[in-house]
Amino acid sequence: MMYRLAKLAGFSVLAVVLLIIETSNLPDSFLTEAQAVVGRPITPVSYAGVARRTTRRTVYAASTVYAAPTTTVVVTDDNSYEEQQVAEAQQQAAQAQQQAAQAEQAAAEAKQKAIEAEQQSTLPVGATLPSLPSGCASKTVNEQSYFTCNGNWFRPAMQNGNIVYAVVADPNK
């Protein structure tokens, strides 16, 4: 029983103390000002803290990067090293431009070959396509609708409930 009374008295005192603190002019926390001093090693903007984090990040980054092919660089003074770095960067940029030009040329050649193949290909009469090739023109011959593309003549037809385009002989011949 005595233990319960002591517990009740302790809670009562705690409640009174909290009520006094809440009604006083103190701010919500017990600290009235910031305790960090700029320049101390633990603060975020101190030189020591920035240096420590930079070193740590550099070590982490270096440990995760794969081993790239190494090149031998002979350094005689600072200017020649910088000039060599600039020359290497320019050479790499020139190689990248050359590769891009070669890729663009190859793509243009492939596109031209595809256009030529499409223009030269004649489909067998009776073949059906689910859609017309690009660039077809609509023509009416003997009151019948036809489409002509690259020397092929097509006529719309129904097949299993779907519209298809059947290759037909040239109706003008």
C-alpha atoms as a PDB file:
ATOM      1  CA  MET A   1       0.000   0.000   0.000  1.00  0.00           C
ATOM      2  CA  MET A   2       2.813   2.340   0.826  1.00  0.00           C
ATOM      3  CA  TYR A   3       4.352   1.678  -2.567  1.00  0.00           C
ATOM      4  CA  ARG A   4       1.139   2.755  -4.280  1.00  0.00           C
ATOM      5  CA  LEU A   5       1.000   5.998  -2.299  1.00  0.00           C
ATOM      6  CA  ALA A   6       4.633   6.767  -3.181  1.00  0.00           C
ATOM      7  CA  LYS A   7       3.910   6.083  -6.832  1.00  0.00           C
ATOM      8  CA  LEU A   8       0.849   8.323  -6.774  1.00  0.00           C
ATOM      9  CA  ALA A   9       2.791  11.110  -5.054  1.00  0.00           C
ATOM     10  CA  GLY A  10       5.591  10.845  -7.644  1.00  0.00           C
ATOM     11  CA  PHE A  11       3.140  11.118 -10.539  1.00  0.00           C
ATOM     12  CA  SER A  12       1.446  14.076  -8.859  1.00  0.00           C
ATOM     13  CA  VAL A  13       4.749  15.924  -8.473  1.00  0.00           C
ATOM     14  CA  LEU A  14       5.663  15.151 -12.091  1.00  0.00           C
ATOM     15  CA  ALA A  15       2.304  16.466 -13.293  1.00  0.00           C
ATOM     16  CA  VAL A  16       2.748  19.698 -11.332  1.00  0.00           C
ATOM     17  CA  VAL A  17       6.274  20.193 -12.714  1.00  0.00           C
ATOM     18  CA  LEU A  18       5.082  19.621 -16.288  1.00  0.00           C
ATOM     19  CA  LEU A  19       2.190  22.031 -15.765  1.00  0.00           C
ATOM     20  CA  ILE A  20       4.551  24.728 -14.482  1.00  0.00           C
ATOM     21  CA  ILE A  21       6.910  24.245 -17.413  1.00  0.00           C
ATOM     22  CA  GLU A  22       4.049  24.331 -19.896  1.00  0.00           C
ATOM     23  CA  THR A  23       2.598  27.559 -18.514  1.00  0.00           C
ATOM     24  CA  SER A  24       5.935  29.348 -18.142  1.00  0.00           C
ATOM     25  CA  ASN A  25       7.571  31.500 -20.814  1.00  0.00           C
ATOM     26  CA  LEU A  26      10.091  28.808 -21.765  1.00  0.00           C
ATOM     27  CA  PRO A  27       9.998  27.443 -25.326  1.00  0.00           C
ATOM     28  CA  ASP A  28       8.799  23.918 -26.015  1.00  0.00           C
ATOM     29  CA  SER A  29      12.217  22.371 -25.470  1.00  0.00           C
ATOM     30  CA  PHE A  30      14.659  22.723 -22.596  1.00  0.00           C
ATOM     31  CA  LEU A  31      17.348  24.155 -24.930  1.00  0.00           C
ATOM     32  CA  THR A  32      16.944  27.837 -25.624  1.00  0.00           C
ATOM     33  CA  GLU A  33      19.557  28.183 -28.395  1.00  0.00           C
ATOM     34  CA  ALA A  34      21.580  26.099 -30.802  1.00  0.00           C
ATOM     35  CA  GLN A  35      24.527  24.370 -29.215  1.00  0.00           C
ATOM     36  CA  ALA A  36      26.588  23.738 -32.372  1.00  0.00           C
ATOM     37  CA  VAL A  37      29.479  26.118 -32.955  1.00  0.00           C
ATOM     38  CA  VAL A  38      30.564  26.554 -36.567  1.00  0.00           C
ATOM     39  CA  GLY A  39      34.202  25.631 -36.919  1.00  0.00           C
ATOM     40  CA  ARG A  40      34.190  22.756 -34.471  1.00  0.00           C
ATOM     41  CA  PRO A  41      35.189  19.441 -36.152  1.00  0.00           C
ATOM     42  CA  ILE A  42      31.801  17.779 -35.682  1.00  0.00           C
ATOM     43  CA  THR A  43      29.663  20.548 -37.223  1.00  0.00           C
ATOM     44  CA  PRO A  44      28.509  20.080 -40.841  1.00  0.00           C
ATOM     45  CA  VAL A  45      30.156  23.221 -42.223  1.00  0.00           C
ATOM     46  CA  SER A  46      33.530  23.014 -40.517  1.00  0.00           C
ATOM     47  CA  TYR A  47      36.614  22.556 -42.638  1.00  0.00           C
ATOM     48  CA  ALA A  48      37.557  19.361 -40.797  1.00  0.00           C
ATOM     49  CA  GLY A  49      34.074  17.893 -41.221  1.00  0.00           C
ATOM     50  CA  VAL A  50      33.939  18.716 -44.938  1.00  0.00           C
ATOM     51  CA  ALA A  51      37.432  17.328 -45.497  1.00  0.00           C
ATOM     52  CA  ARG A  52      36.602  14.135 -43.610  1.00  0.00           C
ATOM     53  CA  ARG A  53      33.398  13.550 -45.576  1.00  0.00           C
ATOM     54  CA  THR A  54      35.081  14.337 -48.896  1.00  0.00           C
ATOM     55  CA  THR A  55      37.870  11.878 -48.175  1.00  0.00           C
ATOM     56  CA  ARG A  56      35.392   9.203 -47.098  1.00  0.00           C
ATOM     57  CA  ARG A  57      33.277   9.674 -50.229  1.00  0.00           C
ATOM     58  CA  THR A  58      36.346   9.567 -52.469  1.00  0.00           C
ATOM     59  CA  VAL A  59      37.511   6.312 -50.882  1.00  0.00           C
ATOM     60  CA  TYR A  60      34.024   4.791 -51.226  1.00  0.00           C
ATOM     61  CA  ALA A  61      33.766   5.862 -54.868  1.00  0.00           C
ATOM     62  CA  ALA A  62      37.245   4.575 -55.693  1.00  0.00           C
ATOM     63  CA  SER A  63      36.508   1.214 -54.105  1.00  0.00           C
ATOM     64  CA  THR A  64      33.374   0.713 -56.226  1.00  0.00           C
ATOM     65  CA  VAL A  65      34.816   1.771 -59.598  1.00  0.00           C
ATOM     66  CA  TYR A  66      36.133  -1.025 -61.798  1.00  0.00           C
ATOM     67  CA  ALA A  67      39.738  -1.061 -62.908  1.00  0.00           C
ATOM     68  CA  ALA A  68      39.939   0.850 -66.168  1.00  0.00           C
ATOM     69  CA  PRO A  69      42.739   0.298 -68.678  1.00  0.00           C
ATOM     70  CA  THR A  70      45.726   2.318 -67.613  1.00  0.00           C
ATOM     71  CA  THR A  71      47.827   4.562 -69.784  1.00  0.00           C
ATOM     72  CA  THR A  72      51.369   5.596 -69.067  1.00  0.00           C
ATOM     73  CA  VAL A  73      51.789   9.321 -68.639  1.00  0.00           C
ATOM     74  CA  VAL A  74      55.228  10.883 -68.455  1.00  0.00           C
ATOM     75  CA  VAL A  75      55.121  14.158 -66.593  1.00  0.00           C
ATOM     76  CA  THR A  76      57.941  16.666 -66.866  1.00  0.00           C
ATOM     77  CA  ASP A  77      56.126  19.668 -65.420  1.00  0.00           C
ATOM     78  CA  ASP A  78      52.576  20.766 -64.641  1.00  0.00           C
ATOM     79  CA  ASN A  79      51.982  22.523 -67.965  1.00  0.00           C
ATOM     80  CA  SER A  80      52.926  19.529 -70.119  1.00  0.00           C
ATOM     81  CA  TYR A  81      50.694  17.234 -68.067  1.00  0.00           C
ATOM     82  CA  GLU A  82      47.716  19.561 -68.520  1.00  0.00           C
ATOM     83  CA  GLU A  83      48.490  19.950 -72.235  1.00  0.00           C
ATOM     84  CA  GLN A  84      48.668  16.181 -72.587  1.00  0.00           C
ATOM     85  CA  GLN A  85      45.304  15.802 -70.828  1.00  0.00           C
ATOM     86  CA  VAL A  86      43.748  18.383 -73.151  1.00  0.00           C
ATOM     87  CA  ALA A  87      45.232  16.637 -76.207  1.00  0.00           C
ATOM     88  CA  GLU A  88      43.916  13.246 -75.062  1.00  0.00           C
ATOM     89  CA  ALA A  89      40.452  14.729 -74.492  1.00  0.00           C
ATOM     90  CA  GLN A  90      40.464  16.309 -77.953  1.00  0.00           C
ATOM     91  CA  GLN A  91      41.575  13.022 -79.514  1.00  0.00           C
ATOM     92  CA  GLN A  92      38.782  11.137 -77.748  1.00  0.00           C
ATOM     93  CA  ALA A  93      36.244  13.737 -78.900  1.00  0.00           C
ATOM     94  CA  ALA A  94      37.471  13.427 -82.495  1.00  0.00           C
ATOM     95  CA  GLN A  95      37.220   9.624 -82.327  1.00  0.00           C
ATOM     96  CA  ALA A  96      33.672   9.884 -80.956  1.00  0.00           C
ATOM     97  CA  GLN A  97      32.679  12.250 -83.759  1.00  0.00           C
ATOM     98  CA  GLN A  98      34.195   9.908 -86.347  1.00  0.00           C
ATOM     99  CA  GLN A  99      32.333   6.924 -84.908  1.00  0.00           C
ATOM    100  CA  ALA A 100      29.079   8.897 -84.876  1.00  0.00           C
ATOM    101  CA  ALA A 101      29.581   9.888 -88.518  1.00  0.00           C
ATOM    102  CA  GLN A 102      30.293   6.267 -89.489  1.00  0.00           C
ATOM    103  CA  ALA A 103      27.178   5.071 -87.661  1.00  0.00           C
ATOM    104  CA  GLU A 104      25.086   7.762 -89.329  1.00  0.00           C
ATOM    105  CA  GLN A 105      26.446   6.813 -92.743  1.00  0.00           C
ATOM    106  CA  ALA A 106      25.741   3.119 -92.133  1.00  0.00           C
ATOM    107  CA  ALA A 107      22.177   3.947 -91.054  1.00  0.00           C
ATOM    108  CA  ALA A 108      21.618   6.033 -94.190  1.00  0.00           C
ATOM    109  CA  GLU A 109      22.960   3.205 -96.381  1.00  0.00           C
ATOM    110  CA  ALA A 110      20.702   0.668 -94.677  1.00  0.00           C
ATOM    111  CA  LYS A 111      17.689   2.939 -95.092  1.00  0.00           C
ATOM    112  CA  GLN A 112      18.479   3.425 -98.792  1.00  0.00           C
ATOM    113  CA  LYS A 113      18.847  -0.330 -99.311  1.00  0.00           C
ATOM    114  CA  ALA A 114      15.501  -0.924 -97.598  1.00  0.00           C
ATOM    115  CA  ILE A 115      13.813   1.634 -99.832  1.00  0.00           C
ATOM    116  CA  GLU A 116      15.341   0.083-102.940  1.00  0.00           C
ATOM    117  CA  ALA A 117      14.317  -3.420-101.862  1.00  0.00           C
ATOM    118  CA  GLU A 118      10.775  -2.254-101.169  1.00  0.00           C
ATOM    119  CA  GLN A 119      10.557  -0.566-104.557  1.00  0.00           C
ATOM    120  CA  GLN A 120      11.945  -3.550-106.444  1.00  0.00           C
ATOM    121  CA  SER A 121       9.980  -6.244-104.690  1.00  0.00           C
ATOM    122  CA  THR A 122       6.925  -7.548-106.450  1.00  0.00           C
ATOM    123  CA  LEU A 123       4.671  -9.770-104.477  1.00  0.00           C
ATOM    124  CA  PRO A 124       3.145 -12.907-106.031  1.00  0.00           C
ATOM    125  CA  VAL A 125      -0.415 -12.588-107.255  1.00  0.00           C
ATOM    126  CA  GLY A 126      -2.818 -14.039-104.679  1.00  0.00           C
ATOM    127  CA  ALA A 127      -0.725 -13.110-101.628  1.00  0.00           C
ATOM    128  CA  THR A 128      -2.610 -11.275 -98.867  1.00  0.00           C
ATOM    129  CA  LEU A 129      -1.378  -8.598 -96.481  1.00  0.00           C
ATOM    130  CA  PRO A 130      -3.105  -7.516 -93.254  1.00  0.00           C
ATOM    131  CA  SER A 131      -2.351  -3.856 -94.075  1.00  0.00           C
ATOM    132  CA  LEU A 132      -1.107  -1.828 -96.999  1.00  0.00           C
ATOM    133  CA  PRO A 133       2.558  -0.839 -97.273  1.00  0.00           C
ATOM    134  CA  SER A 134       3.328   2.828 -96.776  1.00  0.00           C
ATOM    135  CA  GLY A 135       2.981   5.181 -99.711  1.00  0.00           C
ATOM    136  CA  CYS A 136       0.113   3.411-101.553  1.00  0.00           C
ATOM    137  CA  ALA A 137      -2.147   5.351-103.867  1.00  0.00           C
ATOM    138  CA  SER A 138      -5.844   4.657-104.382  1.00  0.00           C
ATOM    139  CA  LYS A 139      -6.959   4.119-108.002  1.00  0.00           C
ATOM    140  CA  THR A 140     -10.240   3.148-109.639  1.00  0.00           C
ATOM    141  CA  VAL A 141     -10.103   0.929-112.735  1.00  0.00           C
ATOM    142  CA  ASN A 142     -13.338  -0.318-114.394  1.00  0.00           C
ATOM    143  CA  GLU A 143     -15.315   0.922-111.379  1.00  0.00           C
ATOM    144  CA  GLN A 144     -13.234  -1.245-109.006  1.00  0.00           C
ATOM    145  CA  SER A 145     -11.103   0.202-106.159  1.00  0.00           C
ATOM    146  CA  TYR A 146      -7.418  -0.723-106.179  1.00  0.00           C
ATOM    147  CA  PHE A 147      -4.318   0.400-104.361  1.00  0.00           C
ATOM    148  CA  THR A 148      -0.934   0.579-106.049  1.00  0.00           C
ATOM    149  CA  CYS A 149       2.396   0.491-104.232  1.00  0.00           C
ATOM    150  CA  ASN A 150       5.846  -0.021-105.752  1.00  0.00           C
ATOM    151  CA  GLY A 151       4.494  -1.757-108.833  1.00  0.00           C
ATOM    152  CA  ASN A 152       2.133  -4.015-106.866  1.00  0.00           C
ATOM    153  CA  TRP A 153      -1.650  -3.797-107.166  1.00  0.00           C
ATOM    154  CA  PHE A 154      -3.885  -4.566-104.188  1.00  0.00           C
ATOM    155  CA  ARG A 155      -7.592  -5.057-103.811  1.00  0.00           C
ATOM    156  CA  PRO A 156      -9.417  -5.077-100.457  1.00  0.00           C
ATOM    157  CA  ALA A 157     -10.959  -8.435 -99.521  1.00  0.00           C
ATOM    158  CA  MET A 158     -12.541 -10.137 -96.503  1.00  0.00           C
ATOM    159  CA  GLN A 159     -10.797 -13.060 -94.869  1.00  0.00           C
ATOM    160  CA  ASN A 160     -12.155 -14.617 -91.644  1.00  0.00           C
ATOM    161  CA  GLY A 161     -14.119 -11.454 -90.911  1.00  0.00           C
ATOM    162  CA  ASN A 162     -11.092  -9.182 -91.340  1.00  0.00           C
ATOM    163  CA  ILE A 163     -10.210  -6.821 -94.144  1.00  0.00           C
ATOM    164  CA  VAL A 164      -7.033  -7.900 -95.957  1.00  0.00           C
ATOM    165  CA  TYR A 165      -5.376  -6.674 -99.113  1.00  0.00           C
ATOM    166  CA  ALA A 166      -4.903  -9.258-101.860  1.00  0.00           C
ATOM    167  CA  VAL A 167      -2.206  -8.850-104.504  1.00  0.00           C
ATOM    168  CA  VAL A 168      -3.790  -8.831-107.973  1.00  0.00           C
ATOM    169  CA  ALA A 169      -2.468  -8.544-111.483  1.00  0.00           C
ATOM    170  CA  ASP A 170      -2.259  -5.080-113.030  1.00  0.00           C
ATOM    171  CA  PRO A 171      -5.871  -4.344-114.103  1.00  0.00           C
ATOM    172  CA  ASN A 172      -4.693  -2.053-116.903  1.00  0.00           C
ATOM    173  CA  LYS A 173      -3.104  -4.919-118.818  1.00  0.00           C
END
